[in-house]
């Protein structure tokens, strides 16, 4: 049975859930397809999570986040990371490996 933890965020009870493998795969596929960057969405990027991802890990609606300050969201992000700790360890390891790869050599195209 997956872990579900209740915490308080902005005076409301929020359920934080451990993601299933299928949910994690779907989340990663969706994250890989994002083309735009929203700087506000990146407030917790150092914690390996975007603000827009928080509803996927909890029962909090995306619309509810807009009126919360980062300090109010921090405990929620911590709970998400704790409940999904195995995933975030692997995520951090893979991210470190990906950023350590040497840059690809430039491709030279033949002249036309």
Protein backbone atom coordinates (compact mmCIF):
# COMPACT_ATOMS: atom_id res chain seq x y z
CA UNK A 1 0.00 0.00 0.00
CA UNK A 2 1.43 3.36 -0.95
CA UNK A 3 2.24 6.02 1.60
CA UNK A 4 -0.20 8.92 2.02
CA UNK A 5 0.60 11.63 4.57
CA UNK A 6 -1.61 14.46 5.75
CA UNK A 7 -0.04 17.86 6.42
CA UNK A 8 -1.33 21.39 6.85
CA UNK A 9 -0.61 23.98 4.16
CA UNK A 10 -1.97 27.51 4.36
CA UNK A 11 -4.43 26.45 7.06
CA UNK A 12 -5.82 23.57 4.94
CA UNK A 13 -5.30 19.82 5.25
CA UNK A 14 -3.41 18.40 2.25
CA UNK A 15 -2.74 14.77 1.40
CA UNK A 16 0.72 14.01 0.03
CA UNK A 17 0.92 10.75 -1.87
CA UNK A 18 3.64 8.39 -2.89
CA UNK A 19 3.53 8.21 -6.66
CA UNK A 20 2.98 4.86 -8.34
CA UNK A 21 5.45 3.76 -11.00
CA UNK A 22 2.88 4.49 -13.71
CA UNK A 23 2.28 8.01 -12.32
CA UNK A 24 6.03 8.65 -12.19
CA UNK A 25 6.49 7.52 -15.80
CA UNK A 26 3.63 9.73 -16.98
CA UNK A 27 5.00 12.70 -14.99
CA UNK A 28 8.50 12.28 -16.43
CA UNK A 29 7.17 11.98 -19.98
CA UNK A 30 5.10 15.14 -19.54
CA UNK A 31 8.01 17.00 -17.94
CA UNK A 32 10.29 16.08 -20.84
CA UNK A 33 7.83 17.59 -23.32
CA UNK A 34 7.64 21.03 -21.69
CA UNK A 35 8.88 23.72 -24.03
CA UNK A 36 8.45 26.83 -21.92
CA UNK A 37 10.00 27.91 -18.66
CA UNK A 38 8.03 29.87 -16.08
CA UNK A 39 10.39 31.41 -13.52
CA UNK A 40 7.77 31.27 -10.75
CA UNK A 41 7.34 27.57 -11.50
CA UNK A 42 11.08 27.17 -10.80
CA UNK A 43 10.93 28.44 -7.17
CA UNK A 44 11.59 24.91 -5.86
CA UNK A 45 13.78 23.70 -8.75
CA UNK A 46 16.67 23.27 -6.29
CA UNK A 47 14.41 20.70 -4.59
CA UNK A 48 13.88 18.91 -7.94
CA UNK A 49 10.23 19.87 -8.22
CA UNK A 50 8.32 22.55 -10.07
CA UNK A 51 5.39 24.37 -8.51
CA UNK A 52 3.17 23.05 -11.31
CA UNK A 53 4.14 19.48 -10.34
CA UNK A 54 2.90 19.79 -6.73
CA UNK A 55 -0.73 18.81 -7.53
CA UNK A 56 0.54 15.54 -9.03
CA UNK A 57 2.06 14.59 -5.68
CA UNK A 58 -0.85 15.78 -3.53
CA UNK A 59 -4.56 16.46 -3.50
CA UNK A 60 -3.94 20.22 -3.62
CA UNK A 61 -5.44 21.87 -6.69
CA UNK A 62 -3.16 23.99 -8.89
CA UNK A 63 -5.42 27.01 -8.39
CA UNK A 64 -4.91 26.78 -4.61
CA UNK A 65 -1.17 27.33 -4.95
CA UNK A 66 -1.38 30.83 -6.40
CA UNK A 67 -2.28 32.46 -3.08
CA UNK A 68 0.42 30.71 -1.05
CA UNK A 69 3.86 32.08 -0.28
CA UNK A 70 6.94 29.91 -0.89
CA UNK A 71 7.40 29.62 2.90
CA UNK A 72 3.92 28.08 3.12
CA UNK A 73 4.66 25.64 0.30
CA UNK A 74 8.08 24.54 1.64
CA UNK A 75 6.67 22.00 4.15
CA UNK A 76 4.60 20.50 1.34
CA UNK A 77 7.66 20.15 -0.91
CA UNK A 78 9.57 18.56 1.98
CA UNK A 79 6.75 16.08 2.57
CA UNK A 80 6.59 15.26 -1.15
CA UNK A 81 10.33 14.59 -1.21
CA UNK A 82 10.11 12.48 1.95
CA UNK A 83 7.15 10.38 0.82
CA UNK A 84 8.79 9.88 -2.61
CA UNK A 85 12.37 9.69 -1.34
CA UNK A 86 13.44 6.72 -3.45
CA UNK A 87 12.41 8.49 -6.64
CA UNK A 88 14.16 11.76 -5.73
CA UNK A 89 17.43 9.93 -4.89
CA UNK A 90 17.39 8.31 -8.32
CA UNK A 91 16.33 11.58 -9.99
CA UNK A 92 19.25 13.44 -8.39
CA UNK A 93 21.72 10.69 -9.35
CA UNK A 94 20.53 10.66 -12.99
CA UNK A 95 20.53 14.44 -13.17
CA UNK A 96 24.12 14.54 -11.89
CA UNK A 97 25.17 11.92 -14.44
CA UNK A 98 23.44 13.78 -17.28
CA UNK A 99 25.03 17.10 -16.42
CA UNK A 100 28.48 15.48 -16.15
CA UNK A 101 28.39 14.23 -19.75
CA UNK A 102 30.72 16.06 -22.12
CA UNK A 103 28.96 18.23 -24.64
CA UNK A 104 28.42 16.66 -28.03
CA UNK A 105 30.83 17.65 -30.76
CA UNK A 106 29.36 20.14 -33.21
CA UNK A 107 27.95 18.60 -36.35
CA UNK A 108 29.43 19.86 -39.58
CA UNK A 109 27.20 19.70 -42.61
CA UNK A 110 28.54 19.45 -46.14
CA UNK A 111 28.40 22.63 -48.20
CA UNK A 112 25.65 22.79 -50.78
